Amino acid sequence: MKMIIAVVQDKDSNRLQDALVDKNYRATKLATTGGFLKAGNTTFMIGVEDAHIEDVMEIIRENCKSRSQMVAPVSPMGGNADAYVPYPVEVEVGGATVFVLPVENFQQF
């Protein structure tokens, strides 16, 4: 058995949750915050048998697409903020960061 931990952008979370439910996969959904853009994201914890890992990974791939987004850079810490002019920067966001971990024991009460 494995634990799949998938960190996805909030915009993709409802679509992923619906797709997992449609395929009868149970998941725990946690509201989390990313460190880079300091934006909200969602972390899914999905327990699956080894034979279903690729099926779940494909569901994640299909429902969590990366996209470009304009963001304003954070002002520098220290230094002269008067000379700092924040120009929006285009970054790639979305997609999913996925970890697959072995599960030694699973019990449900």
Protein backbone atom coordinates (compact mmCIF):
# COMPACT_ATOMS: atom_id res chain seq x y z
CA MET A 1 0.00 0.00 0.00
CA LYS A 2 1.13 3.56 -0.75
CA MET A 3 0.24 7.07 0.38
CA ILE A 4 0.08 9.56 -2.47
CA ILE A 5 0.48 13.15 -1.35
CA ALA A 6 -0.44 15.59 -4.12
CA VAL A 7 -0.04 19.36 -3.73
CA VAL A 8 -2.19 21.13 -6.33
CA GLN A 9 -3.27 24.69 -7.06
CA ASP A 10 -6.65 25.65 -5.55
CA LYS A 11 -8.07 26.20 -9.05
CA ASP A 12 -7.56 22.49 -9.79
CA SER A 13 -8.64 21.05 -6.45
CA ASN A 14 -12.40 20.70 -7.02
CA ARG A 15 -11.89 19.14 -10.45
CA LEU A 16 -9.38 16.65 -9.02
CA GLN A 17 -11.62 15.83 -6.07
CA ASP A 18 -14.58 15.13 -8.40
CA ALA A 19 -12.43 12.91 -10.64
CA LEU A 20 -11.14 10.89 -7.68
CA VAL A 21 -14.69 10.39 -6.35
CA ASP A 22 -15.89 9.33 -9.82
CA LYS A 23 -13.25 6.58 -9.81
CA ASN A 24 -14.05 5.56 -6.19
CA TYR A 25 -10.80 6.80 -4.66
CA ARG A 26 -11.02 8.29 -1.19
CA ALA A 27 -8.86 11.26 -0.30
CA THR A 28 -8.27 13.61 2.58
CA LYS A 29 -8.17 17.22 1.38
CA LEU A 30 -6.13 19.81 3.31
CA ALA A 31 -5.97 23.57 2.75
CA THR A 32 -2.29 24.55 2.55
CA THR A 33 -0.17 27.53 1.54
CA GLY A 34 2.76 27.52 -0.85
CA GLY A 35 6.04 29.12 0.13
CA PHE A 36 7.12 30.52 -3.25
CA LEU A 37 4.05 32.55 -4.26
CA LYS A 38 2.52 32.50 -0.77
CA ALA A 39 -0.72 31.49 -2.47
CA GLY A 40 -3.30 28.99 -1.35
CA ASN A 41 -3.09 25.44 -2.59
CA THR A 42 -4.63 22.12 -1.67
CA THR A 43 -2.89 18.96 -0.49
CA PHE A 44 -4.56 15.60 -1.11
CA MET A 45 -3.60 12.49 0.85
CA ILE A 46 -4.72 9.38 -1.03
CA GLY A 47 -4.16 5.85 0.25
CA VAL A 48 -4.07 3.25 -2.54
CA GLU A 49 -2.97 -0.29 -3.21
CA ASP A 50 0.19 -0.58 -5.30
CA ALA A 51 -1.77 -1.76 -8.35
CA HIS A 52 -3.75 1.53 -8.46
CA ILE A 53 -0.86 4.00 -8.27
CA GLU A 54 -0.64 4.63 -12.02
CA ASP A 55 -4.42 5.09 -12.29
CA VAL A 56 -4.38 7.77 -9.58
CA MET A 57 -1.31 9.43 -11.10
CA GLU A 58 -3.11 9.64 -14.46
CA ILE A 59 -6.16 11.22 -12.78
CA ILE A 60 -3.86 13.83 -11.22
CA ARG A 61 -2.11 14.48 -14.57
CA GLU A 62 -5.44 14.95 -16.38
CA ASN A 63 -6.91 17.35 -13.84
CA CYS A 64 -3.96 19.48 -12.68
CA LYS A 65 -2.54 21.47 -15.58
CA SER A 66 0.18 24.09 -15.35
CA ARG A 67 -0.51 27.59 -16.64
CA SER A 68 1.23 30.96 -16.88
CA GLN A 69 0.31 33.71 -14.45
CA MET A 70 1.52 37.27 -13.90
CA VAL A 71 2.63 37.99 -10.32
CA ALA A 72 4.05 41.06 -8.63
CA PRO A 73 7.43 40.34 -7.06
CA VAL A 74 7.80 40.77 -3.30
CA SER A 75 9.72 43.87 -2.22
CA PRO A 76 13.27 43.17 -1.05
CA MET A 77 13.91 42.79 2.67
CA GLY A 78 16.27 45.44 3.94
CA GLY A 79 17.86 47.75 1.44
CA ASN A 80 16.27 50.77 -0.15
CA ALA A 81 12.61 50.16 -1.01
CA ASP A 82 12.35 53.62 -2.64
CA ALA A 83 14.44 52.46 -5.61
CA TYR A 84 12.47 49.21 -5.96
CA VAL A 85 9.90 49.22 -8.79
CA PRO A 86 7.78 46.03 -8.78
CA TYR A 87 7.20 44.93 -12.37
CA PRO A 88 4.90 41.94 -12.81
CA VAL A 89 6.71 38.74 -13.75
CA GLU A 90 5.23 35.81 -15.66
CA VAL A 91 5.64 32.49 -13.81
CA GLU A 92 4.36 28.99 -14.40
CA VAL A 93 1.86 27.85 -11.76
CA GLY A 94 -0.43 24.90 -11.31
CA GLY A 95 0.28 21.34 -12.15
CA ALA A 96 0.94 19.08 -9.18
CA THR A 97 3.78 18.11 -6.91
CA VAL A 98 3.31 14.45 -6.01
CA PHE A 99 5.00 12.25 -3.42
CA VAL A 100 4.45 8.49 -3.21
CA LEU A 101 5.31 7.00 0.17
CA PRO A 102 5.20 3.41 1.43
CA VAL A 103 2.55 2.67 4.06
CA GLU A 104 3.52 0.09 6.61
CA ASN A 105 0.12 -0.20 8.31
CA PHE A 106 -3.38 1.09 7.56
CA GLN A 107 -6.38 0.89 9.85
CA GLN A 108 -9.77 2.53 9.54
CA PHE A 109 -12.15 2.77 12.49
